Structure formats: structure tokens, C-alpha cells
């Protein structure tokens, strides 16, 4: 089964994304902060990561940067999720190697479609 890691420090968003991805047929794991996200990625090697930018401790940008420096995670699809829709943040996310960038609030159907497209399901 395809593994998706959802990283967000907002409990309501984490729960709704977890539910949404499970409904779409994915095996979902969650993390509430950047450090936990990096641990889970190392342990589980998910097929895709939904990554919030504003996290306590290590930011989503830092998590992404760490992943792209490791050979085995260079190609791991990462979709950045953020309440900050500013162009400068989107550019930074894409420059660091994000595969896509979604601004909250977002369409759940559009998110599931982007995930499927990246996983080529």
C-alpha cells in the first residue's frame, strides 16, 4: 500500500488530512513537527510527504532541505502545504525541491488529485 506522511502542527488539519488520505486509499502516518517528520521519514520511507511550512522547531523548509541532501530522499515527492500564499514562499519551496505547493484552504479533491498525479496512480 502507498504510504503518505502528513506533517502539520494544527491538530484539526492533521486529522482531516489523515482522514482524507485514508479515504483515498493510502496508508497514512502523521507528524506534528519537523523533527518527528524527519524521524518518521527515515523509519517508514513514505512514498509521498504532505508538509506544512510553519512547524514548531524545524520548519517545513528545513525538513525539505534535509531530505534533498540525502541521496535516498532526493526523489521523494513532497507537497508543501501552507496558510502563507505569498509568492516568495512558493518560490522558496520550489527552489528547495518541493514537487508542488498548495495554499490553505484547499480543495480536498484537488489535493487528492495532485497526490495521485505525483505518485502516478
PDB file of N, CA and C in Angstrom:
ATOM      1  N   UNK A   1       0.845  -1.190   0.000  1.00  0.00           N
ATOM      2  CA  UNK A   1       0.000   0.000   0.000  1.00  0.00           C
ATOM      3  C   UNK A   1       0.891   1.255   0.000  1.00  0.00           C
ATOM      4  N   UNK A   2       0.453   2.268  -0.702  1.00  0.00           N
ATOM      5  CA  UNK A   2       1.202   3.517  -0.807  1.00  0.00           C
ATOM      6  C   UNK A   2       1.181   4.272   0.518  1.00  0.00           C
ATOM      7  N   UNK A   3       2.375   4.656   0.988  1.00  0.00           N
ATOM      8  CA  UNK A   3       2.492   5.327   2.282  1.00  0.00           C
ATOM      9  C   UNK A   3       2.620   6.835   2.106  1.00  0.00           C
ATOM     10  N   UNK A   4       1.761   7.568   2.839  1.00  0.00           N
ATOM     11  CA  UNK A   4       1.786   9.029   2.806  1.00  0.00           C
ATOM     12  C   UNK A   4       2.032   9.534   4.234  1.00  0.00           C
ATOM     13  N   UNK A   5       2.989  10.443   4.389  1.00  0.00           N
ATOM     14  CA  UNK A   5       3.240  11.080   5.683  1.00  0.00           C
ATOM     15  C   UNK A   5       2.646  12.480   5.638  1.00  0.00           C
ATOM     16  N   UNK A   6       1.787  12.792   6.611  1.00  0.00           N
ATOM     17  CA  UNK A   6       1.171  14.113   6.713  1.00  0.00           C
ATOM     18  C   UNK A   6       1.814  14.845   7.895  1.00  0.00           C
ATOM     19  N   UNK A   7       2.387  16.017   7.626  1.00  0.00           N
ATOM     20  CA  UNK A   7       3.071  16.785   8.670  1.00  0.00           C
ATOM     21  C   UNK A   7       2.388  18.144   8.830  1.00  0.00           C
ATOM     22  N   UNK A   8       1.771  18.356  10.011  1.00  0.00           N
ATOM     23  CA  UNK A   8       1.119  19.638  10.293  1.00  0.00           C
ATOM     24  C   UNK A   8       1.002  19.783  11.795  1.00  0.00           C
ATOM     25  N   UNK A   9       1.207  20.987  12.316  1.00  0.00           N
ATOM     26  CA  UNK A   9       1.138  21.188  13.769  1.00  0.00           C
ATOM     27  C   UNK A   9      -0.271  21.560  14.227  1.00  0.00           C
ATOM     28  N   UNK A  10      -1.190  21.699  13.300  1.00  0.00           N
ATOM     29  CA  UNK A  10      -2.577  22.064  13.598  1.00  0.00           C
ATOM     30  C   UNK A  10      -3.400  20.771  13.702  1.00  0.00           C
ATOM     31  N   UNK A  11      -3.810  20.358  14.919  1.00  0.00           N
ATOM     32  CA  UNK A  11      -4.479  19.051  15.083  1.00  0.00           C
ATOM     33  C   UNK A  11      -5.678  18.833  14.163  1.00  0.00           C
ATOM     34  N   UNK A  12      -6.513  19.861  13.974  1.00  0.00           N
ATOM     35  CA  UNK A  12      -7.700  19.700  13.121  1.00  0.00           C
ATOM     36  C   UNK A  12      -7.315  19.421  11.674  1.00  0.00           C
ATOM     37  N   UNK A  13      -6.304  20.112  11.195  1.00  0.00           N
ATOM     38  CA  UNK A  13      -5.861  19.919   9.813  1.00  0.00           C
ATOM     39  C   UNK A  13      -5.222  18.541   9.668  1.00  0.00           C
ATOM     40  N   UNK A  14      -4.417  18.163  10.662  1.00  0.00           N
ATOM     41  CA  UNK A  14      -3.762  16.854  10.651  1.00  0.00           C
ATOM     42  C   UNK A  14      -4.808  15.742  10.574  1.00  0.00           C
ATOM     43  N   UNK A  15      -5.836  15.835  11.409  1.00  0.00           N
ATOM     44  CA  UNK A  15      -6.897  14.822  11.421  1.00  0.00           C
ATOM     45  C   UNK A  15      -7.653  14.772  10.109  1.00  0.00           C
ATOM     46  N   UNK A  16      -8.003  15.950   9.566  1.00  0.00           N
ATOM     47  CA  UNK A  16      -8.782  15.945   8.328  1.00  0.00           C
ATOM     48  C   UNK A  16      -7.952  15.450   7.148  1.00  0.00           C
ATOM     49  N   UNK A  17      -6.657  15.796   7.120  1.00  0.00           N
ATOM     50  CA  UNK A  17      -5.792  15.299   6.039  1.00  0.00           C
ATOM     51  C   UNK A  17      -5.568  13.793   6.161  1.00  0.00           C
ATOM     52  N   UNK A  18      -5.402  13.327   7.394  1.00  0.00           N
ATOM     53  CA  UNK A  18      -5.224  11.887   7.622  1.00  0.00           C
ATOM     54  C   UNK A  18      -6.455  11.131   7.116  1.00  0.00           C
ATOM     55  N   UNK A  19      -7.643  11.635   7.489  1.00  0.00           N
ATOM     56  CA  UNK A  19      -8.896  11.014   7.067  1.00  0.00           C
ATOM     57  C   UNK A  19      -9.034  11.041   5.543  1.00  0.00           C
ATOM     58  N   UNK A  20      -8.752  12.203   4.962  1.00  0.00           N
ATOM     59  CA  UNK A  20      -8.864  12.369   3.510  1.00  0.00           C
ATOM     60  C   UNK A  20      -7.970  11.387   2.762  1.00  0.00           C
ATOM     61  N   UNK A  21      -6.720  11.257   3.202  1.00  0.00           N
ATOM     62  CA  UNK A  21      -5.771  10.369   2.525  1.00  0.00           C
ATOM     63  C   UNK A  21      -6.136   8.892   2.735  1.00  0.00           C
ATOM     64  N   UNK A  22      -6.676   8.562   3.930  1.00  0.00           N
ATOM     65  CA  UNK A  22      -7.119   7.184   4.173  1.00  0.00           C
ATOM     66  C   UNK A  22      -8.306   6.845   3.277  1.00  0.00           C
ATOM     67  N   UNK A  23      -9.231   7.804   3.129  1.00  0.00           N
ATOM     68  CA  UNK A  23     -10.398   7.602   2.259  1.00  0.00           C
ATOM     69  C   UNK A  23      -9.963   7.385   0.817  1.00  0.00           C
ATOM     70  N   UNK A  24      -8.842   8.022   0.444  1.00  0.00           N
ATOM     71  CA  UNK A  24      -8.336   7.888  -0.926  1.00  0.00           C
ATOM     72  C   UNK A  24      -7.543   6.591  -1.103  1.00  0.00           C
ATOM     73  N   UNK A  25      -7.413   5.824  -0.006  1.00  0.00           N
ATOM     74  CA  UNK A  25      -6.790   4.505  -0.116  1.00  0.00           C
ATOM     75  C   UNK A  25      -5.310   4.452   0.233  1.00  0.00           C
ATOM     76  N   UNK A  26      -4.810   5.469   0.933  1.00  0.00           N
ATOM     77  CA  UNK A  26      -3.400   5.481   1.294  1.00  0.00           C
ATOM     78  C   UNK A  26      -3.188   5.026   2.735  1.00  0.00           C
ATOM     79  N   UNK A  27      -2.004   4.504   3.001  1.00  0.00           N
ATOM     80  CA  UNK A  27      -1.571   4.145   4.346  1.00  0.00           C
ATOM     81  C   UNK A  27      -0.959   5.420   4.930  1.00  0.00           C
ATOM     82  N   UNK A  28      -1.606   6.004   5.947  1.00  0.00           N
ATOM     83  CA  UNK A  28      -1.223   7.336   6.419  1.00  0.00           C
ATOM     84  C   UNK A  28      -0.543   7.312   7.788  1.00  0.00           C
ATOM     85  N   UNK A  29       0.547   8.071   7.891  1.00  0.00           N
ATOM     86  CA  UNK A  29       1.221   8.312   9.161  1.00  0.00           C
ATOM     87  C   UNK A  29       1.266   9.823   9.330  1.00  0.00           C
ATOM     88  N   UNK A  30       1.263  10.289  10.584  1.00  0.00           N
ATOM     89  CA  UNK A  30       1.283  11.732  10.814  1.00  0.00           C
ATOM     90  C   UNK A  30       2.463  12.130  11.695  1.00  0.00           C
ATOM     91  N   UNK A  31       2.812  13.415  11.619  1.00  0.00           N
ATOM     92  CA  UNK A  31       3.833  14.011  12.484  1.00  0.00           C
ATOM     93  C   UNK A  31       3.402  15.445  12.766  1.00  0.00           C
ATOM     94  N   UNK A  32       3.685  15.918  13.993  1.00  0.00           N
ATOM     95  CA  UNK A  32       3.237  17.249  14.399  1.00  0.00           C
ATOM     96  C   UNK A  32       4.343  18.290  14.306  1.00  0.00           C
ATOM     97  N   UNK A  33       5.568  17.856  14.068  1.00  0.00           N
ATOM     98  CA  UNK A  33       6.668  18.813  13.980  1.00  0.00           C
ATOM     99  C   UNK A  33       7.763  18.278  13.051  1.00  0.00           C
ATOM    100  N   UNK A  34       8.713  19.157  12.746  1.00  0.00           N
ATOM    101  CA  UNK A  34       9.751  18.818  11.786  1.00  0.00           C
ATOM    102  C   UNK A  34      10.656  17.674  12.218  1.00  0.00           C
ATOM    103  N   UNK A  35      11.028  17.651  13.512  1.00  0.00           N
ATOM    104  CA  UNK A  35      11.923  16.596  13.995  1.00  0.00           C
ATOM    105  C   UNK A  35      11.251  15.233  13.882  1.00  0.00           C
ATOM    106  N   UNK A  36       9.992  15.158  14.309  1.00  0.00           N
ATOM    107  CA  UNK A  36       9.238  13.903  14.217  1.00  0.00           C
ATOM    108  C   UNK A  36       9.095  13.502  12.749  1.00  0.00           C
ATOM    109  N   UNK A  37       8.849  14.477  11.888  1.00  0.00           N
ATOM    110  CA  UNK A  37       8.707  14.196  10.458  1.00  0.00           C
ATOM    111  C   UNK A  37       9.968  13.528   9.914  1.00  0.00           C
ATOM    112  N   UNK A  38      11.133  14.077  10.240  1.00  0.00           N
ATOM    113  CA  UNK A  38      12.392  13.504   9.751  1.00  0.00           C
ATOM    114  C   UNK A  38      12.601  12.088  10.288  1.00  0.00           C
ATOM    115  N   UNK A  39      12.257  11.856  11.557  1.00  0.00           N
ATOM    116  CA  UNK A  39      12.371  10.510  12.132  1.00  0.00           C
ATOM    117  C   UNK A  39      11.465   9.531  11.391  1.00  0.00           C
ATOM    118  N   UNK A  40      10.212   9.946  11.177  1.00  0.00           N
ATOM    119  CA  UNK A  40       9.245   9.047  10.526  1.00  0.00           C
ATOM    120  C   UNK A  40       9.659   8.763   9.078  1.00  0.00           C
ATOM    121  N   UNK A  41      10.185   9.753   8.400  1.00  0.00           N
ATOM    122  CA  UNK A  41      10.619   9.552   7.010  1.00  0.00           C
ATOM    123  C   UNK A  41      11.755   8.531   6.972  1.00  0.00           C
ATOM    124  N   UNK A  42      12.697   8.653   7.899  1.00  0.00           N
ATOM    125  CA  UNK A  42      13.796   7.695   7.971  1.00  0.00           C
ATOM    126  C   UNK A  42      13.326   6.282   8.286  1.00  0.00           C
ATOM    127  N   UNK A  43      12.362   6.170   9.216  1.00  0.00           N
ATOM    128  CA  UNK A  43      11.859   4.858   9.632  1.00  0.00           C
ATOM    129  C   UNK A  43      10.965   4.220   8.571  1.00  0.00           C
ATOM    130  N   UNK A  44      10.040   4.998   8.035  1.00  0.00           N
ATOM    131  CA  UNK A  44       8.970   4.450   7.201  1.00  0.00           C
ATOM    132  C   UNK A  44       9.229   4.524   5.699  1.00  0.00           C
ATOM    133  N   UNK A  45      10.110   5.435   5.293  1.00  0.00           N
ATOM    134  CA  UNK A  45      10.338   5.700   3.868  1.00  0.00           C
ATOM    135  C   UNK A  45       9.011   5.810   3.104  1.00  0.00           C
ATOM    136  N   UNK A  46       8.228   6.866   3.406  1.00  0.00           N
ATOM    137  CA  UNK A  46       6.932   7.030   2.737  1.00  0.00           C
ATOM    138  C   UNK A  46       7.103   7.278   1.237  1.00  0.00           C
ATOM    139  N   UNK A  47       6.007   7.089   0.498  1.00  0.00           N
ATOM    140  CA  UNK A  47       6.021   7.314  -0.952  1.00  0.00           C
ATOM    141  C   UNK A  47       5.802   8.780  -1.295  1.00  0.00           C
ATOM    142  N   UNK A  48       5.237   9.539  -0.320  1.00  0.00           N
ATOM    143  CA  UNK A  48       4.961  10.954  -0.539  1.00  0.00           C
ATOM    144  C   UNK A  48       4.800  11.641   0.813  1.00  0.00           C
ATOM    145  N   UNK A  49       5.167  12.937   0.878  1.00  0.00           N
ATOM    146  CA  UNK A  49       5.023  13.713   2.116  1.00  0.00           C
ATOM    147  C   UNK A  49       4.200  14.970   1.840  1.00  0.00           C
ATOM    148  N   UNK A  50       3.176  15.187   2.671  1.00  0.00           N
ATOM    149  CA  UNK A  50       2.426  16.448   2.684  1.00  0.00           C
ATOM    150  C   UNK A  50       3.021  17.233   3.844  1.00  0.00           C
ATOM    151  N   UNK A  51       3.656  18.356   3.546  1.00  0.00           N
ATOM    152  CA  UNK A  51       4.486  19.038   4.532  1.00  0.00           C
ATOM    153  C   UNK A  51       4.068  20.487   4.745  1.00  0.00           C
ATOM    154  N   UNK A  52       3.623  20.789   5.975  1.00  0.00           N
ATOM    155  CA  UNK A  52       3.291  22.167   6.340  1.00  0.00           C
ATOM    156  C   UNK A  52       4.594  22.946   6.492  1.00  0.00           C
ATOM    157  N   UNK A  53       4.568  24.235   6.191  1.00  0.00           N
ATOM    158  CA  UNK A  53       5.781  25.052   6.323  1.00  0.00           C
ATOM    159  C   UNK A  53       5.980  25.513   7.763  1.00  0.00           C
ATOM    160  N   UNK A  54       4.911  26.027   8.384  1.00  0.00           N
ATOM    161  CA  UNK A  54       5.022  26.573   9.746  1.00  0.00           C
ATOM    162  C   UNK A  54       4.909  25.459  10.771  1.00  0.00           C
ATOM    163  N   UNK A  55       6.058  24.992  11.250  1.00  0.00           N
ATOM    164  CA  UNK A  55       6.092  23.917  12.238  1.00  0.00           C
ATOM    165  C   UNK A  55       6.924  24.369  13.435  1.00  0.00           C
ATOM    166  N   UNK A  56       6.609  23.849  14.630  1.00  0.00           N
ATOM    167  CA  UNK A  56       7.461  24.175  15.781  1.00  0.00           C
ATOM    168  C   UNK A  56       8.837  23.525  15.607  1.00  0.00           C
ATOM    169  N   UNK A  57       9.873  24.181  16.067  1.00  0.00           N
ATOM    170  CA  UNK A  57      11.224  23.613  15.931  1.00  0.00           C
ATOM    171  C   UNK A  57      11.741  23.789  14.519  1.00  0.00           C
ATOM    172  N   UNK A  58      11.898  22.667  13.828  1.00  0.00           N
ATOM    173  CA  UNK A  58      12.415  22.690  12.455  1.00  0.00           C
ATOM    174  C   UNK A  58      11.267  23.020  11.503  1.00  0.00           C
ATOM    175  N   UNK A  59      11.427  24.036  10.665  1.00  0.00           N
ATOM    176  CA  UNK A  59      10.354  24.410   9.733  1.00  0.00           C
ATOM    177  C   UNK A  59      10.239  23.396   8.596  1.00  0.00           C
ATOM    178  N   UNK A  60       9.120  23.473   7.884  1.00  0.00           N
ATOM    179  CA  UNK A  60       8.929  22.608   6.724  1.00  0.00           C
ATOM    180  C   UNK A  60      10.011  22.827   5.677  1.00  0.00           C
ATOM    181  N   UNK A  61      10.449  24.077   5.518  1.00  0.00           N
ATOM    182  CA  UNK A  61      11.540  24.365   4.569  1.00  0.00           C
ATOM    183  C   UNK A  61      12.805  23.611   4.972  1.00  0.00           C
ATOM    184  N   UNK A  62      13.108  23.596   6.287  1.00  0.00           N
ATOM    185  CA  UNK A  62      14.307  22.903   6.770  1.00  0.00           C
ATOM    186  C   UNK A  62      14.193  21.388   6.584  1.00  0.00           C
ATOM    187  N   UNK A  63      12.995  20.856   6.829  1.00  0.00           N
ATOM    188  CA  UNK A  63      12.760  19.426   6.621  1.00  0.00           C
ATOM    189  C   UNK A  63      13.034  19.085   5.159  1.00  0.00           C
ATOM    190  N   UNK A  64      12.476  19.891   4.264  1.00  0.00           N
ATOM    191  CA  UNK A  64      12.658  19.662   2.829  1.00  0.00           C
ATOM    192  C   UNK A  64      14.135  19.729   2.444  1.00  0.00           C
ATOM    193  N   UNK A  65      14.818  20.721   2.972  1.00  0.00           N
ATOM    194  CA  UNK A  65      16.243  20.884   2.676  1.00  0.00           C
ATOM    195  C   UNK A  65      17.036  19.657   3.135  1.00  0.00           C
ATOM    196  N   UNK A  66      16.734  19.180   4.341  1.00  0.00           N
ATOM    197  CA  UNK A  66      17.383  17.966   4.858  1.00  0.00           C
ATOM    198  C   UNK A  66      17.150  16.772   3.945  1.00  0.00           C
ATOM    199  N   UNK A  67      15.909  16.606   3.500  1.00  0.00           N
ATOM    200  CA  UNK A  67      15.571  15.469   2.641  1.00  0.00           C
ATOM    201  C   UNK A  67      16.338  15.510   1.333  1.00  0.00           C
ATOM    202  N   UNK A  68      16.404  16.692   0.738  1.00  0.00           N
ATOM    203  CA  UNK A  68      17.046  16.813  -0.578  1.00  0.00           C
ATOM    204  C   UNK A  68      18.563  16.624  -0.515  1.00  0.00           C
ATOM    205  N   UNK A  69      19.122  16.702   0.703  1.00  0.00           N
ATOM    206  CA  UNK A  69      20.567  16.478   0.851  1.00  0.00           C
ATOM    207  C   UNK A  69      20.894  14.989   0.985  1.00  0.00           C
ATOM    208  N   UNK A  70      19.870  14.174   1.248  1.00  0.00           N
ATOM    209  CA  UNK A  70      20.089  12.733   1.387  1.00  0.00           C
ATOM    210  C   UNK A  70      19.762  12.030   0.086  1.00  0.00           C
ATOM    211  N   UNK A  71      20.695  11.235  -0.375  1.00  0.00           N
ATOM    212  CA  UNK A  71      20.554  10.559  -1.665  1.00  0.00           C
ATOM    213  C   UNK A  71      19.245   9.783  -1.785  1.00  0.00           C
ATOM    214  N   UNK A  72      18.891   9.028  -0.738  1.00  0.00           N
ATOM    215  CA  UNK A  72      17.698   8.169  -0.861  1.00  0.00           C
ATOM    216  C   UNK A  72      16.382   8.939  -0.849  1.00  0.00           C
ATOM    217  N   UNK A  73      16.419  10.232  -0.460  1.00  0.00           N
ATOM    218  CA  UNK A  73      15.181  11.013  -0.430  1.00  0.00           C
ATOM    219  C   UNK A  73      15.157  12.143  -1.456  1.00  0.00           C
ATOM    220  N   UNK A  74      16.147  12.180  -2.332  1.00  0.00           N
ATOM    221  CA  UNK A  74      16.202  13.237  -3.361  1.00  0.00           C
ATOM    222  C   UNK A  74      14.963  13.232  -4.253  1.00  0.00           C
ATOM    223  N   UNK A  75      14.426  12.031  -4.521  1.00  0.00           N
ATOM    224  CA  UNK A  75      13.292  11.892  -5.441  1.00  0.00           C
ATOM    225  C   UNK A  75      11.954  11.724  -4.723  1.00  0.00           C
ATOM    226  N   UNK A  76      11.950  11.769  -3.385  1.00  0.00           N
ATOM    227  CA  UNK A  76      10.711  11.608  -2.622  1.00  0.00           C
ATOM    228  C   UNK A  76       9.766  12.776  -2.915  1.00  0.00           C
ATOM    229  N   UNK A  77       8.560  12.496  -3.441  1.00  0.00           N
ATOM    230  CA  UNK A  77       7.632  13.598  -3.731  1.00  0.00           C
ATOM    231  C   UNK A  77       7.187  14.322  -2.452  1.00  0.00           C
ATOM    232  N   UNK A  78       7.297  15.646  -2.467  1.00  0.00           N
ATOM    233  CA  UNK A  78       6.898  16.466  -1.325  1.00  0.00           C
ATOM    234  C   UNK A  78       5.958  17.567  -1.814  1.00  0.00           C
ATOM    235  N   UNK A  79       4.767  17.638  -1.186  1.00  0.00           N
ATOM    236  CA  UNK A  79       3.834  18.725  -1.459  1.00  0.00           C
ATOM    237  C   UNK A  79       3.835  19.626  -0.235  1.00  0.00           C
ATOM    238  N   UNK A  80       4.205  20.883  -0.435  1.00  0.00           N
ATOM    239  CA  UNK A  80       4.202  21.854   0.659  1.00  0.00           C
ATOM    240  C   UNK A  80       2.769  22.351   0.865  1.00  0.00           C
ATOM    241  N   UNK A  81       2.334  22.406   2.124  1.00  0.00           N
ATOM    242  CA  UNK A  81       1.017  22.937   2.474  1.00  0.00           C
ATOM    243  C   UNK A  81       1.246  24.163   3.341  1.00  0.00           C
ATOM    244  N   UNK A  82       0.558  25.241   3.039  1.00  0.00           N
ATOM    245  CA  UNK A  82       0.774  26.423   3.861  1.00  0.00           C
ATOM    246  C   UNK A  82      -0.405  27.371   3.857  1.00  0.00           C
ATOM    247  N   UNK A  83      -0.532  28.107   4.944  1.00  0.00           N
ATOM    248  CA  UNK A  83      -1.535  29.169   5.010  1.00  0.00           C
ATOM    249  C   UNK A  83      -0.952  30.441   4.391  1.00  0.00           C
ATOM    250  N   UNK A  84       0.355  30.418   4.153  1.00  0.00           N
ATOM    251  CA  UNK A  84       1.036  31.588   3.573  1.00  0.00           C
ATOM    252  C   UNK A  84       1.093  31.430   2.057  1.00  0.00           C
ATOM    253  N   UNK A  85       0.291  32.197   1.358  1.00  0.00           N
ATOM    254  CA  UNK A  85       0.237  32.051  -0.087  1.00  0.00           C
ATOM    255  C   UNK A  85       1.148  33.016  -0.827  1.00  0.00           C
ATOM    256  N   UNK A  86       2.084  33.632  -0.101  1.00  0.00           N
ATOM    257  CA  UNK A  86       2.928  34.618  -0.755  1.00  0.00           C
ATOM    258  C   UNK A  86       3.844  33.976  -1.777  1.00  0.00           C
ATOM    259  N   UNK A  87       4.017  34.654  -2.876  1.00  0.00           N
ATOM    260  CA  UNK A  87       4.808  34.140  -3.989  1.00  0.00           C
ATOM    261  C   UNK A  87       6.244  33.809  -3.557  1.00  0.00           C
ATOM    262  N   UNK A  88       6.813  34.636  -2.683  1.00  0.00           N
ATOM    263  CA  UNK A  88       8.200  34.428  -2.255  1.00  0.00           C
ATOM    264  C   UNK A  88       8.350  33.076  -1.553  1.00  0.00           C
ATOM    265  N   UNK A  89       7.345  32.672  -0.752  1.00  0.00           N
ATOM    266  CA  UNK A  89       7.416  31.384  -0.068  1.00  0.00           C
ATOM    267  C   UNK A  89       7.246  30.233  -1.045  1.00  0.00           C
ATOM    268  N   UNK A  90       6.376  30.417  -2.006  1.00  0.00           N
ATOM    269  CA  UNK A  90       6.188  29.386  -3.018  1.00  0.00           C
ATOM    270  C   UNK A  90       7.491  29.185  -3.789  1.00  0.00           C
ATOM    271  N   UNK A  91       8.120  30.288  -4.168  1.00  0.00           N
ATOM    272  CA  UNK A  91       9.382  30.202  -4.903  1.00  0.00           C
ATOM    273  C   UNK A  91      10.461  29.522  -4.074  1.00  0.00           C
ATOM    274  N   UNK A  92      10.503  29.844  -2.781  1.00  0.00           N
ATOM    275  CA  UNK A  92      11.498  29.218  -1.899  1.00  0.00           C
ATOM    276  C   UNK A  92      11.253  27.712  -1.818  1.00  0.00           C
ATOM    277  N   UNK A  93       9.994  27.325  -1.628  1.00  0.00           N
ATOM    278  CA  UNK A  93       9.643  25.903  -1.553  1.00  0.00           C
ATOM    279  C   UNK A  93      10.036  25.158  -2.814  1.00  0.00           C
ATOM    280  N   UNK A  94       9.733  25.738  -3.955  1.00  0.00           N
ATOM    281  CA  UNK A  94      10.059  25.091  -5.230  1.00  0.00           C
ATOM    282  C   UNK A  94      11.574  25.052  -5.439  1.00  0.00           C
ATOM    283  N   UNK A  95      12.269  26.132  -5.036  1.00  0.00           N
ATOM    284  CA  UNK A  95      13.726  26.185  -5.178  1.00  0.00           C
ATOM    285  C   UNK A  95      14.402  25.121  -4.312  1.00  0.00           C
ATOM    286  N   UNK A  96      13.812  24.827  -3.149  1.00  0.00           N
ATOM    287  CA  UNK A  96      14.385  23.817  -2.259  1.00  0.00           C
ATOM    288  C   UNK A  96      14.067  22.397  -2.720  1.00  0.00           C
ATOM    289  N   UNK A  97      13.186  22.273  -3.713  1.00  0.00           N
ATOM    290  CA  UNK A  97      12.924  20.947  -4.263  1.00  0.00           C
ATOM    291  C   UNK A  97      11.537  20.390  -4.010  1.00  0.00           C
ATOM    292  N   UNK A  98      10.580  21.234  -3.603  1.00  0.00           N
ATOM    293  CA  UNK A  98       9.203  20.750  -3.442  1.00  0.00           C
ATOM    294  C   UNK A  98       8.654  20.375  -4.814  1.00  0.00           C
ATOM    295  N   UNK A  99       7.786  19.369  -4.837  1.00  0.00           N
ATOM    296  CA  UNK A  99       7.187  18.937  -6.106  1.00  0.00           C
ATOM    297  C   UNK A  99       5.922  19.719  -6.412  1.00  0.00           C
ATOM    298  N   UNK A 100       5.284  20.245  -5.353  1.00  0.00           N
ATOM    299  CA  UNK A 100       4.081  21.036  -5.546  1.00  0.00           C
ATOM    300  C   UNK A 100       3.875  21.884  -4.298  1.00  0.00           C
ATOM    301  N   UNK A 101       2.961  22.824  -4.399  1.00  0.00           N
ATOM    302  CA  UNK A 101       2.762  23.804  -3.342  1.00  0.00           C
ATOM    303  C   UNK A 101       1.278  24.121  -3.291  1.00  0.00           C
ATOM    304  N   UNK A 102       0.650  23.897  -2.150  1.00  0.00           N
ATOM    305  CA  UNK A 102      -0.790  24.121  -2.022  1.00  0.00           C
ATOM    306  C   UNK A 102      -1.061  25.084  -0.871  1.00  0.00           C
ATOM    307  N   UNK A 103      -1.884  26.090  -1.139  1.00  0.00           N
ATOM    308  CA  UNK A 103      -2.232  27.082  -0.135  1.00  0.00           C
ATOM    309  C   UNK A 103      -3.535  26.695   0.564  1.00  0.00           C
ATOM    310  N   UNK A 104      -3.550  26.792   1.907  1.00  0.00           N
ATOM    311  CA  UNK A 104      -4.770  26.543   2.680  1.00  0.00           C
ATOM    312  C   UNK A 104      -5.648  27.785   2.605  1.00  0.00           C
ATOM    313  N   UNK A 105      -6.951  27.672   2.608  1.00  0.00           N
ATOM    314  CA  UNK A 105      -7.694  26.414   2.489  1.00  0.00           C
ATOM    315  C   UNK A 105      -7.624  25.893   1.051  1.00  0.00           C
ATOM    316  N   UNK A 106      -7.690  24.580   0.906  1.00  0.00           N
ATOM    317  CA  UNK A 106      -7.556  23.994  -0.432  1.00  0.00           C
ATOM    318  C   UNK A 106      -8.713  23.045  -0.699  1.00  0.00           C
ATOM    319  N   UNK A 107      -8.900  22.732  -1.949  1.00  0.00           N
ATOM    320  CA  UNK A 107      -9.919  21.768  -2.347  1.00  0.00           C
ATOM    321  C   UNK A 107      -9.390  20.367  -2.048  1.00  0.00           C
ATOM    322  N   UNK A 108     -10.174  19.584  -1.307  1.00  0.00           N
ATOM    323  CA  UNK A 108      -9.722  18.234  -0.955  1.00  0.00           C
ATOM    324  C   UNK A 108      -9.563  17.375  -2.210  1.00  0.00           C
ATOM    325  N   UNK A 109     -10.479  17.533  -3.157  1.00  0.00           N
ATOM    326  CA  UNK A 109     -10.386  16.753  -4.398  1.00  0.00           C
ATOM    327  C   UNK A 109      -9.127  17.111  -5.175  1.00  0.00           C
ATOM    328  N   UNK A 110      -8.817  18.409  -5.229  1.00  0.00           N
ATOM    329  CA  UNK A 110      -7.622  18.848  -5.949  1.00  0.00           C
ATOM    330  C   UNK A 110      -6.369  18.288  -5.276  1.00  0.00           C
ATOM    331  N   UNK A 111      -6.360  18.259  -3.937  1.00  0.00           N
ATOM    332  CA  UNK A 111      -5.206  17.725  -3.219  1.00  0.00           C
ATOM    333  C   UNK A 111      -5.027  16.234  -3.510  1.00  0.00           C
ATOM    334  N   UNK A 112      -6.102  15.471  -3.426  1.00  0.00           N
ATOM    335  CA  UNK A 112      -6.023  14.032  -3.709  1.00  0.00           C
ATOM    336  C   UNK A 112      -5.529  13.814  -5.138  1.00  0.00           C
ATOM    337  N   UNK A 113      -6.004  14.628  -6.075  1.00  0.00           N
ATOM    338  CA  UNK A 113      -5.582  14.505  -7.469  1.00  0.00           C
ATOM    339  C   UNK A 113      -4.089  14.796  -7.625  1.00  0.00           C
ATOM    340  N   UNK A 114      -3.598  15.835  -6.948  1.00  0.00           N
ATOM    341  CA  UNK A 114      -2.169  16.168  -7.016  1.00  0.00           C
ATOM    342  C   UNK A 114      -1.325  15.034  -6.450  1.00  0.00           C
ATOM    343  N   UNK A 115      -1.777  14.453  -5.334  1.00  0.00           N
ATOM    344  CA  UNK A 115      -1.072  13.329  -4.723  1.00  0.00           C
ATOM    345  C   UNK A 115      -1.019  12.161  -5.719  1.00  0.00           C
ATOM    346  N   UNK A 116      -2.170  11.840  -6.294  1.00  0.00           N
ATOM    347  CA  UNK A 116      -2.223  10.723  -7.265  1.00  0.00           C
ATOM    348  C   UNK A 116      -1.335  10.990  -8.474  1.00  0.00           C
ATOM    349  N   UNK A 117      -1.340  12.241  -8.952  1.00  0.00           N
ATOM    350  CA  UNK A 117      -0.504  12.582 -10.107  1.00  0.00           C
ATOM    351  C   UNK A 117       0.969  12.385  -9.797  1.00  0.00           C
ATOM    352  N   UNK A 118       1.393  12.848  -8.614  1.00  0.00           N
ATOM    353  CA  UNK A 118       2.801  12.708  -8.237  1.00  0.00           C
ATOM    354  C   UNK A 118       3.192  11.245  -8.056  1.00  0.00           C
ATOM    355  N   UNK A 119       2.245  10.438  -7.562  1.00  0.00           N
ATOM    356  CA  UNK A 119       2.520   9.017  -7.355  1.00  0.00           C
ATOM    357  C   UNK A 119       2.237   8.218  -8.626  1.00  0.00           C
ATOM    358  N   UNK A 120       1.696   8.895  -9.620  1.00  0.00           N
ATOM    359  CA  UNK A 120       1.310   8.285 -10.896  1.00  0.00           C
ATOM    360  C   UNK A 120       0.418   7.072 -10.699  1.00  0.00           C
ATOM    361  N   UNK A 121      -0.617   7.294  -9.907  1.00  0.00           N
ATOM    362  CA  UNK A 121      -1.578   6.209  -9.644  1.00  0.00           C
ATOM    363  C   UNK A 121      -2.745   6.303 -10.609  1.00  0.00           C
TER     364      UNK A 121
END
